[in-house]
Amino acid sequence: MKQLVLYLGLGYLLLCLGLFVLQRRMQYFPTPPLQIKGAQAVSFEHQEITLRGWLANPDQENALLYFGGNGEQIEQNLAQFRLWFPHHSVYLIPYRGYGNSDGTPTETGIVGDALYLFDQLSQTHPKVTVMGRSLGSSVAVQVAANRPVDRVVLITPFDSALAVARDLYWMFPLSLLMKDPYRSDLLAPRIEAPSYVVIAAEDEVIPMKRTQALITALAPSLQWSRKIDDAGHNTLSMYSEYGHALKQAVLGP
C-alpha cells in the first residue's frame, strides 16, 4: 500500500513538473500571418525584436490600439474596423511570436510590448483608446491601469488566466506553477478611464462567472456591459449587435 501511495505521489509530481515546463505551449496559440492586400503595414522595434502589423485609417487624430484574442488572426478585423472607426487610426499589432512579429510570447514580454506601443502612439495621437478581446482584454487592462488611455473596451474578458485555468485543472497547485497568470482582477480597480465590456452570451471558452468577476473589479470605471445574445466566443463578430456595441463604446452614444 505504501509503495502504491509512493508511486501515485511521484506520478503527481511528474505531472506538475510537466505542466510547469510545458505550460506556455498550452497557454499560447500563435497564429501565422494572412496575406492582406491594400493594407498599410507598420512595424515597431522593442527590446531587440520587431513587432509587425497593420494600420487602418492612417493620419487620423485619435488612435485605437487593438489587442487580439489567443489564436486570433487580428488582420481579419481590418475591413470591419476601417468601416466602424473611420475617425481613428486603428493599429492591429500581433503579439511577439504571433503573425510576423518576432520573439516568444510571455506575459512580461506581451505586456511590455503593449505599454511600449501605447507610449509610441501617444506621441502622435492625443487620445488613444485600447481594446482587447479574450487574452487581449487582460493586456488592455494592464495598459489602462498603467497609462492614461482615453477609453478601454474589453471583449469576452476574464478576471484572471489563473482563475480560468483553476476551473479546468483544479487538481494542480496552479498558484505555484503558473508563470503567466494575467491578474486583471488586481489591476482593474486602478483604471480611471471609462471602461466598457462586451460579452458573448453563449461563450464556451470563458465561463460567465469569470467575466462577471472582472466586471465587479472594474467598478467604478465601468460605464456599461452588453451581452450579445446567441453569440459564442469565436462567433461574436458575426453579429451586427457586436459592431453596434463597439462603435458606441469607442465613439459614444
C-alpha atoms as a PDB file:
ATOM      1  CA  MET A   1       0.000   0.000   0.000  1.00  0.00           C
ATOM      2  CA  LYS A   2       2.818   2.388   0.908  1.00  0.00           C
ATOM      3  CA  GLN A   3       4.505   1.597  -2.395  1.00  0.00           C
ATOM      4  CA  LEU A   4       1.309   2.413  -4.295  1.00  0.00           C
ATOM      5  CA  VAL A   5       0.997   5.734  -2.479  1.00  0.00           C
ATOM      6  CA  LEU A   6       4.635   6.483  -3.296  1.00  0.00           C
ATOM      7  CA  TYR A   7       4.124   5.735  -6.996  1.00  0.00           C
ATOM      8  CA  LEU A   8       0.992   7.871  -7.091  1.00  0.00           C
ATOM      9  CA  GLY A   9       2.827  10.721  -5.382  1.00  0.00           C
ATOM     10  CA  LEU A  10       5.734  10.512  -7.786  1.00  0.00           C
ATOM     11  CA  GLY A  11       3.344  10.403 -10.732  1.00  0.00           C
ATOM     12  CA  TYR A  12       1.571  13.529  -9.465  1.00  0.00           C
ATOM     13  CA  LEU A  13       4.871  15.354  -9.033  1.00  0.00           C
ATOM     14  CA  LEU A  14       5.900  14.401 -12.567  1.00  0.00           C
ATOM     15  CA  LEU A  15       2.608  15.762 -13.892  1.00  0.00           C
ATOM     16  CA  CYS A  16       3.211  19.017 -12.012  1.00  0.00           C
ATOM     17  CA  LEU A  17       6.723  19.227 -13.432  1.00  0.00           C
ATOM     18  CA  GLY A  18       5.450  18.595 -16.968  1.00  0.00           C
ATOM     19  CA  LEU A  19       2.768  21.247 -16.536  1.00  0.00           C
ATOM     20  CA  PHE A  20       5.335  23.750 -15.284  1.00  0.00           C
ATOM     21  CA  VAL A  21       7.739  23.106 -18.151  1.00  0.00           C
ATOM     22  CA  LEU A  22       5.188  22.910 -20.978  1.00  0.00           C
ATOM     23  CA  GLN A  23       2.574  25.400 -19.767  1.00  0.00           C
ATOM     24  CA  ARG A  24       3.302  28.139 -22.299  1.00  0.00           C
ATOM     25  CA  ARG A  25       2.792  25.697 -25.141  1.00  0.00           C
ATOM     26  CA  MET A  26      -0.626  25.008 -23.622  1.00  0.00           C
ATOM     27  CA  GLN A  27      -1.409  28.690 -22.965  1.00  0.00           C
ATOM     28  CA  TYR A  28      -0.403  30.432 -26.205  1.00  0.00           C
ATOM     29  CA  PHE A  29      -1.532  29.595 -29.722  1.00  0.00           C
ATOM     30  CA  PRO A  30       0.486  31.770 -32.135  1.00  0.00           C
ATOM     31  CA  THR A  31      -1.182  32.318 -35.486  1.00  0.00           C
ATOM     32  CA  PRO A  32       0.551  32.551 -38.874  1.00  0.00           C
ATOM     33  CA  PRO A  33       0.053  35.773 -40.837  1.00  0.00           C
ATOM     34  CA  LEU A  34      -2.534  36.166 -43.568  1.00  0.00           C
ATOM     35  CA  GLN A  35      -1.803  37.811 -46.888  1.00  0.00           C
ATOM     36  CA  ILE A  36      -3.620  41.149 -46.779  1.00  0.00           C
ATOM     37  CA  LYS A  37      -3.913  43.264 -49.916  1.00  0.00           C
ATOM     38  CA  GLY A  38      -4.308  47.008 -49.752  1.00  0.00           C
ATOM     39  CA  ALA A  39      -3.472  47.302 -46.057  1.00  0.00           C
ATOM     40  CA  GLN A  40      -0.744  49.567 -44.717  1.00  0.00           C
ATOM     41  CA  ALA A  41       1.968  47.603 -42.908  1.00  0.00           C
ATOM     42  CA  VAL A  42       3.598  49.095 -39.801  1.00  0.00           C
ATOM     43  CA  SER A  43       6.385  47.908 -37.541  1.00  0.00           C
ATOM     44  CA  PHE A  44       7.832  48.820 -34.148  1.00  0.00           C
ATOM     45  CA  GLU A  45      11.209  47.942 -32.669  1.00  0.00           C
ATOM     46  CA  HIS A  46      11.202  46.978 -28.989  1.00  0.00           C
ATOM     47  CA  GLN A  47      13.706  45.050 -26.881  1.00  0.00           C
ATOM     48  CA  GLU A  48      15.639  43.886 -29.937  1.00  0.00           C
ATOM     49  CA  ILE A  49      12.557  42.402 -31.611  1.00  0.00           C
ATOM     50  CA  THR A  50      10.313  43.724 -34.353  1.00  0.00           C
ATOM     51  CA  LEU A  51       6.531  43.807 -33.974  1.00  0.00           C
ATOM     52  CA  ARG A  52       4.892  43.810 -37.410  1.00  0.00           C
ATOM     53  CA  GLY A  53       1.240  44.614 -38.000  1.00  0.00           C
ATOM     54  CA  TRP A  54      -1.227  46.783 -39.878  1.00  0.00           C
ATOM     55  CA  LEU A  55      -2.720  50.248 -39.769  1.00  0.00           C
ATOM     56  CA  ALA A  56      -6.219  51.171 -40.881  1.00  0.00           C
ATOM     57  CA  ASN A  57      -7.324  54.776 -41.442  1.00  0.00           C
ATOM     58  CA  PRO A  58      -3.867  56.375 -41.176  1.00  0.00           C
ATOM     59  CA  ASP A  59      -3.345  60.026 -40.277  1.00  0.00           C
ATOM     60  CA  GLN A  60      -6.413  60.332 -38.050  1.00  0.00           C
ATOM     61  CA  GLU A  61      -6.081  62.480 -34.936  1.00  0.00           C
ATOM     62  CA  ASN A  62      -7.018  59.782 -32.414  1.00  0.00           C
ATOM     63  CA  ALA A  63      -5.924  56.153 -32.270  1.00  0.00           C
ATOM     64  CA  LEU A  64      -7.384  52.767 -31.409  1.00  0.00           C
ATOM     65  CA  LEU A  65      -4.915  50.082 -30.306  1.00  0.00           C
ATOM     66  CA  TYR A  66      -6.372  46.574 -30.549  1.00  0.00           C
ATOM     67  CA  PHE A  67      -5.090  43.508 -28.691  1.00  0.00           C
ATOM     68  CA  GLY A  68      -6.347  40.264 -30.179  1.00  0.00           C
ATOM     69  CA  GLY A  69      -7.515  37.005 -28.743  1.00  0.00           C
ATOM     70  CA  ASN A  70      -5.370  33.929 -28.354  1.00  0.00           C
ATOM     71  CA  GLY A  71      -5.315  32.257 -31.750  1.00  0.00           C
ATOM     72  CA  GLU A  72      -6.996  35.237 -33.462  1.00  0.00           C
ATOM     73  CA  GLN A  73      -5.592  36.470 -36.745  1.00  0.00           C
ATOM     74  CA  ILE A  74      -6.196  40.098 -35.945  1.00  0.00           C
ATOM     75  CA  GLU A  75      -5.714  41.268 -39.518  1.00  0.00           C
ATOM     76  CA  GLN A  76      -9.152  39.770 -40.237  1.00  0.00           C
ATOM     77  CA  ASN A  77     -10.599  42.774 -38.359  1.00  0.00           C
ATOM     78  CA  LEU A  78      -9.150  45.313 -40.790  1.00  0.00           C
ATOM     79  CA  ALA A  79     -12.185  45.732 -43.034  1.00  0.00           C
ATOM     80  CA  GLN A  80     -14.670  45.980 -40.161  1.00  0.00           C
ATOM     81  CA  PHE A  81     -12.559  48.316 -38.034  1.00  0.00           C
ATOM     82  CA  ARG A  82     -11.800  50.571 -41.009  1.00  0.00           C
ATOM     83  CA  LEU A  83     -15.547  50.958 -41.525  1.00  0.00           C
ATOM     84  CA  TRP A  84     -16.591  51.183 -37.871  1.00  0.00           C
ATOM     85  CA  PHE A  85     -13.925  53.663 -36.722  1.00  0.00           C
ATOM     86  CA  PRO A  86     -13.274  55.989 -39.683  1.00  0.00           C
ATOM     87  CA  HIS A  87     -12.002  58.798 -37.444  1.00  0.00           C
ATOM     88  CA  HIS A  88      -9.482  56.626 -35.585  1.00  0.00           C
ATOM     89  CA  SER A  89      -6.160  55.342 -36.811  1.00  0.00           C
ATOM     90  CA  VAL A  90      -6.545  51.666 -35.923  1.00  0.00           C
ATOM     91  CA  TYR A  91      -3.412  49.713 -35.032  1.00  0.00           C
ATOM     92  CA  LEU A  92      -3.535  45.907 -35.228  1.00  0.00           C
ATOM     93  CA  ILE A  93      -0.170  44.617 -33.994  1.00  0.00           C
ATOM     94  CA  PRO A  94       0.223  40.864 -33.378  1.00  0.00           C
ATOM     95  CA  TYR A  95       1.885  39.850 -30.123  1.00  0.00           C
ATOM     96  CA  ARG A  96       5.506  38.774 -30.071  1.00  0.00           C
ATOM     97  CA  GLY A  97       5.657  35.321 -31.630  1.00  0.00           C
ATOM     98  CA  TYR A  98       2.322  35.836 -33.438  1.00  0.00           C
ATOM     99  CA  GLY A  99       1.894  36.670 -37.114  1.00  0.00           C
ATOM    100  CA  ASN A 100       5.062  38.260 -38.474  1.00  0.00           C
ATOM    101  CA  SER A 101       6.191  39.595 -35.097  1.00  0.00           C
ATOM    102  CA  ASP A 102       9.478  38.327 -33.691  1.00  0.00           C
ATOM    103  CA  GLY A 103      10.016  36.751 -30.295  1.00  0.00           C
ATOM    104  CA  THR A 104       8.328  34.255 -27.997  1.00  0.00           C
ATOM    105  CA  PRO A 105       5.100  35.024 -26.107  1.00  0.00           C
ATOM    106  CA  THR A 106       5.220  35.557 -22.354  1.00  0.00           C
ATOM    107  CA  GLU A 107       3.074  37.793 -20.164  1.00  0.00           C
ATOM    108  CA  THR A 108       6.016  40.030 -19.295  1.00  0.00           C
ATOM    109  CA  GLY A 109       7.010  40.375 -22.941  1.00  0.00           C
ATOM    110  CA  ILE A 110       3.497  40.900 -24.303  1.00  0.00           C
ATOM    111  CA  VAL A 111       2.547  43.490 -21.686  1.00  0.00           C
ATOM    112  CA  GLY A 112       5.895  45.257 -22.044  1.00  0.00           C
ATOM    113  CA  ASP A 113       5.323  45.485 -25.793  1.00  0.00           C
ATOM    114  CA  ALA A 114       1.791  46.785 -25.249  1.00  0.00           C
ATOM    115  CA  LEU A 115       2.964  49.562 -22.931  1.00  0.00           C
ATOM    116  CA  TYR A 116       5.673  50.467 -25.430  1.00  0.00           C
ATOM    117  CA  LEU A 117       3.134  50.615 -28.275  1.00  0.00           C
ATOM    118  CA  PHE A 118       0.888  52.906 -26.260  1.00  0.00           C
ATOM    119  CA  ASP A 119       3.818  55.188 -25.441  1.00  0.00           C
ATOM    120  CA  GLN A 120       4.743  55.386 -29.120  1.00  0.00           C
ATOM    121  CA  LEU A 121       1.199  56.106 -30.292  1.00  0.00           C
ATOM    122  CA  SER A 122       0.603  58.722 -27.599  1.00  0.00           C
ATOM    123  CA  GLN A 123       3.426  60.788 -29.096  1.00  0.00           C
ATOM    124  CA  THR A 124       1.449  61.280 -32.318  1.00  0.00           C
ATOM    125  CA  HIS A 125      -2.160  60.857 -31.162  1.00  0.00           C
ATOM    126  CA  PRO A 126      -3.645  62.996 -28.351  1.00  0.00           C
ATOM    127  CA  LYS A 127      -6.127  60.262 -27.436  1.00  0.00           C
ATOM    128  CA  VAL A 128      -5.538  56.509 -27.560  1.00  0.00           C
ATOM    129  CA  THR A 129      -8.332  54.004 -26.899  1.00  0.00           C
ATOM    130  CA  VAL A 130      -7.303  50.450 -26.057  1.00  0.00           C
ATOM    131  CA  MET A 131      -9.463  47.477 -26.983  1.00  0.00           C
ATOM    132  CA  GLY A 132      -8.806  43.831 -26.154  1.00  0.00           C
ATOM    133  CA  ARG A 133     -10.522  40.562 -26.889  1.00  0.00           C
ATOM    134  CA  SER A 134     -10.192  37.483 -24.654  1.00  0.00           C
ATOM    135  CA  LEU A 135      -6.440  37.253 -23.885  1.00  0.00           C
ATOM    136  CA  GLY A 136      -6.185  40.781 -25.252  1.00  0.00           C
ATOM    137  CA  SER A 137      -8.654  42.017 -22.644  1.00  0.00           C
ATOM    138  CA  SER A 138      -6.083  41.322 -19.946  1.00  0.00           C
ATOM    139  CA  VAL A 139      -3.407  43.116 -21.966  1.00  0.00           C
ATOM    140  CA  ALA A 140      -5.737  46.102 -22.379  1.00  0.00           C
ATOM    141  CA  VAL A 141      -6.478  46.125 -18.641  1.00  0.00           C
ATOM    142  CA  GLN A 142      -2.767  46.214 -17.827  1.00  0.00           C
ATOM    143  CA  VAL A 143      -2.182  49.106 -20.224  1.00  0.00           C
ATOM    144  CA  ALA A 144      -5.223  51.032 -18.955  1.00  0.00           C
ATOM    145  CA  ALA A 145      -4.126  50.527 -15.342  1.00  0.00           C
ATOM    146  CA  ASN A 146      -0.684  51.998 -16.063  1.00  0.00           C
ATOM    147  CA  ARG A 147      -1.218  54.573 -18.801  1.00  0.00           C
ATOM    148  CA  PRO A 148      -3.635  57.500 -19.422  1.00  0.00           C
ATOM    149  CA  VAL A 149      -5.789  55.804 -22.052  1.00  0.00           C
ATOM    150  CA  ASP A 150      -8.861  57.592 -23.385  1.00  0.00           C
ATOM    151  CA  ARG A 151     -11.195  54.568 -23.154  1.00  0.00           C
ATOM    152  CA  VAL A 152     -10.847  50.843 -22.606  1.00  0.00           C
ATOM    153  CA  VAL A 153     -13.082  48.323 -24.370  1.00  0.00           C
ATOM    154  CA  LEU A 154     -12.994  44.695 -23.212  1.00  0.00           C
ATOM    155  CA  ILE A 155     -14.453  41.875 -25.290  1.00  0.00           C
ATOM    156  CA  THR A 156     -15.144  38.446 -23.719  1.00  0.00           C
ATOM    157  CA  PRO A 157     -12.863  39.312 -20.779  1.00  0.00           C
ATOM    158  CA  PHE A 158     -11.930  37.271 -17.715  1.00  0.00           C
ATOM    159  CA  ASP A 159     -10.755  38.140 -14.221  1.00  0.00           C
ATOM    160  CA  SER A 160      -7.527  36.137 -14.465  1.00  0.00           C
ATOM    161  CA  ALA A 161      -5.996  33.382 -16.549  1.00  0.00           C
ATOM    162  CA  LEU A 162      -5.166  31.703 -13.240  1.00  0.00           C
ATOM    163  CA  ALA A 163      -8.855  31.510 -12.300  1.00  0.00           C
ATOM    164  CA  VAL A 164      -9.816  30.185 -15.739  1.00  0.00           C
ATOM    165  CA  ALA A 165      -7.107  27.531 -15.512  1.00  0.00           C
ATOM    166  CA  ARG A 166      -8.159  26.561 -11.978  1.00  0.00           C
ATOM    167  CA  ASP A 167     -11.649  25.775 -13.250  1.00  0.00           C
ATOM    168  CA  LEU A 168     -10.096  23.218 -15.613  1.00  0.00           C
ATOM    169  CA  TYR A 169      -7.077  21.977 -13.660  1.00  0.00           C
ATOM    170  CA  TRP A 170      -8.323  22.223 -10.091  1.00  0.00           C
ATOM    171  CA  MET A 171      -6.204  19.263  -9.028  1.00  0.00           C
ATOM    172  CA  PHE A 172      -2.893  21.133  -9.504  1.00  0.00           C
ATOM    173  CA  PRO A 173      -1.352  23.919  -7.349  1.00  0.00           C
ATOM    174  CA  LEU A 174      -1.534  26.433 -10.178  1.00  0.00           C
ATOM    175  CA  SER A 175      -0.810  29.441  -7.984  1.00  0.00           C
ATOM    176  CA  LEU A 176       2.664  27.951  -7.528  1.00  0.00           C
ATOM    177  CA  LEU A 177       3.096  26.638 -11.065  1.00  0.00           C
ATOM    178  CA  MET A 178       1.615  29.268 -13.380  1.00  0.00           C
ATOM    179  CA  LYS A 179       4.122  31.676 -14.916  1.00  0.00           C
ATOM    180  CA  ASP A 180       1.667  33.973 -16.730  1.00  0.00           C
ATOM    181  CA  PRO A 181      -1.458  34.415 -14.543  1.00  0.00           C
ATOM    182  CA  TYR A 182      -2.773  37.650 -16.160  1.00  0.00           C
ATOM    183  CA  ARG A 183      -4.386  39.007 -12.983  1.00  0.00           C
ATOM    184  CA  SER A 184      -6.797  41.536 -14.465  1.00  0.00           C
ATOM    185  CA  ASP A 185      -8.820  41.396 -11.259  1.00  0.00           C
ATOM    186  CA  LEU A 186      -5.971  43.004  -9.300  1.00  0.00           C
ATOM    187  CA  LEU A 187      -5.369  45.800 -11.823  1.00  0.00           C
ATOM    188  CA  ALA A 188      -8.900  46.644 -12.977  1.00  0.00           C
ATOM    189  CA  PRO A 189      -9.716  48.770  -9.873  1.00  0.00           C
ATOM    190  CA  ARG A 190      -6.850  51.096 -10.829  1.00  0.00           C
ATOM    191  CA  ILE A 191      -8.399  52.038 -14.181  1.00  0.00           C
ATOM    192  CA  GLU A 192      -9.625  55.627 -14.320  1.00  0.00           C
ATOM    193  CA  ALA A 193     -10.667  55.816 -17.986  1.00  0.00           C
ATOM    194  CA  PRO A 194     -14.245  54.906 -18.965  1.00  0.00           C
ATOM    195  CA  SER A 195     -14.461  51.153 -19.483  1.00  0.00           C
ATOM    196  CA  TYR A 196     -16.901  49.061 -21.495  1.00  0.00           C
ATOM    197  CA  VAL A 197     -17.483  45.309 -21.642  1.00  0.00           C
ATOM    198  CA  VAL A 198     -18.942  43.245 -24.489  1.00  0.00           C
ATOM    199  CA  ILE A 199     -19.974  39.682 -23.619  1.00  0.00           C
ATOM    200  CA  ALA A 200     -20.826  36.630 -25.718  1.00  0.00           C
ATOM    201  CA  ALA A 201     -23.963  35.184 -24.127  1.00  0.00           C
ATOM    202  CA  GLU A 202     -23.051  31.631 -25.181  1.00  0.00           C
ATOM    203  CA  ASP A 203     -19.319  31.877 -24.523  1.00  0.00           C
ATOM    204  CA  GLU A 204     -17.984  28.331 -24.420  1.00  0.00           C
ATOM    205  CA  VAL A 205     -14.387  29.331 -23.597  1.00  0.00           C
ATOM    206  CA  ILE A 206     -14.633  31.940 -20.831  1.00  0.00           C
ATOM    207  CA  PRO A 207     -17.107  30.975 -18.074  1.00  0.00           C
ATOM    208  CA  MET A 208     -19.610  33.735 -17.346  1.00  0.00           C
ATOM    209  CA  LYS A 209     -18.565  33.803 -13.683  1.00  0.00           C
ATOM    210  CA  ARG A 210     -15.051  34.783 -14.763  1.00  0.00           C
ATOM    211  CA  THR A 211     -16.408  37.702 -16.811  1.00  0.00           C
ATOM    212  CA  GLN A 212     -18.734  38.782 -14.015  1.00  0.00           C
ATOM    213  CA  ALA A 213     -15.836  38.781 -11.554  1.00  0.00           C
ATOM    214  CA  LEU A 214     -13.913  41.117 -13.863  1.00  0.00           C
ATOM    215  CA  ILE A 215     -16.958  43.385 -14.233  1.00  0.00           C
ATOM    216  CA  THR A 216     -17.144  43.649 -10.446  1.00  0.00           C
ATOM    217  CA  ALA A 217     -13.460  44.533 -10.250  1.00  0.00           C
ATOM    218  CA  LEU A 218     -13.869  47.273 -12.896  1.00  0.00           C
ATOM    219  CA  ALA A 219     -16.100  49.449 -10.721  1.00  0.00           C
ATOM    220  CA  PRO A 220     -16.231  52.449 -10.647  1.00  0.00           C
ATOM    221  CA  SER A 221     -14.759  52.946 -14.148  1.00  0.00           C
ATOM    222  CA  LEU A 222     -17.323  50.657 -15.817  1.00  0.00           C
ATOM    223  CA  GLN A 223     -19.838  52.591 -17.927  1.00  0.00           C
ATOM    224  CA  TRP A 224     -21.816  49.602 -19.193  1.00  0.00           C
ATOM    225  CA  SER A 225     -21.629  45.940 -20.169  1.00  0.00           C
ATOM    226  CA  ARG A 226     -23.512  44.484 -23.148  1.00  0.00           C
ATOM    227  CA  LYS A 227     -24.376  40.847 -23.764  1.00  0.00           C
ATOM    228  CA  ILE A 228     -24.728  39.667 -27.368  1.00  0.00           C
ATOM    229  CA  ASP A 229     -27.437  37.013 -27.395  1.00  0.00           C
ATOM    230  CA  ASP A 230     -26.676  33.652 -29.042  1.00  0.00           C
ATOM    231  CA  ALA A 231     -23.062  34.656 -29.734  1.00  0.00           C
ATOM    232  CA  GLY A 232     -20.224  32.274 -28.899  1.00  0.00           C
ATOM    233  CA  HIS A 233     -16.632  33.104 -28.007  1.00  0.00           C
ATOM    234  CA  ASN A 234     -15.420  32.780 -31.591  1.00  0.00           C
ATOM    235  CA  THR A 235     -18.605  33.793 -33.417  1.00  0.00           C
ATOM    236  CA  LEU A 236     -19.191  37.124 -31.670  1.00  0.00           C
ATOM    237  CA  SER A 237     -18.027  39.260 -34.579  1.00  0.00           C
ATOM    238  CA  MET A 238     -20.645  37.686 -36.862  1.00  0.00           C
ATOM    239  CA  TYR A 239     -23.467  39.522 -35.061  1.00  0.00           C
ATOM    240  CA  SER A 240     -24.476  43.038 -36.039  1.00  0.00           C
ATOM    241  CA  GLU A 241     -25.017  43.907 -32.365  1.00  0.00           C
ATOM    242  CA  TYR A 242     -21.287  43.389 -31.835  1.00  0.00           C
ATOM    243  CA  GLY A 243     -20.358  46.200 -34.200  1.00  0.00           C
ATOM    244  CA  HIS A 244     -23.017  48.476 -32.718  1.00  0.00           C
ATOM    245  CA  ALA A 245     -21.656  47.886 -29.209  1.00  0.00           C
ATOM    246  CA  LEU A 246     -18.049  48.540 -30.205  1.00  0.00           C
ATOM    247  CA  LYS A 247     -18.945  51.721 -32.051  1.00  0.00           C
ATOM    248  CA  GLN A 248     -20.893  53.042 -29.077  1.00  0.00           C
ATOM    249  CA  ALA A 249     -18.045  52.185 -26.710  1.00  0.00           C
ATOM    250  CA  VAL A 250     -15.393  53.893 -28.834  1.00  0.00           C
ATOM    251  CA  LEU A 251     -17.404  56.783 -30.275  1.00  0.00           C
ATOM    252  CA  GLY A 252     -20.005  57.385 -27.574  1.00  0.00           C
ATOM    253  CA  PRO A 253     -23.820  57.456 -27.873  1.00  0.00           C
END
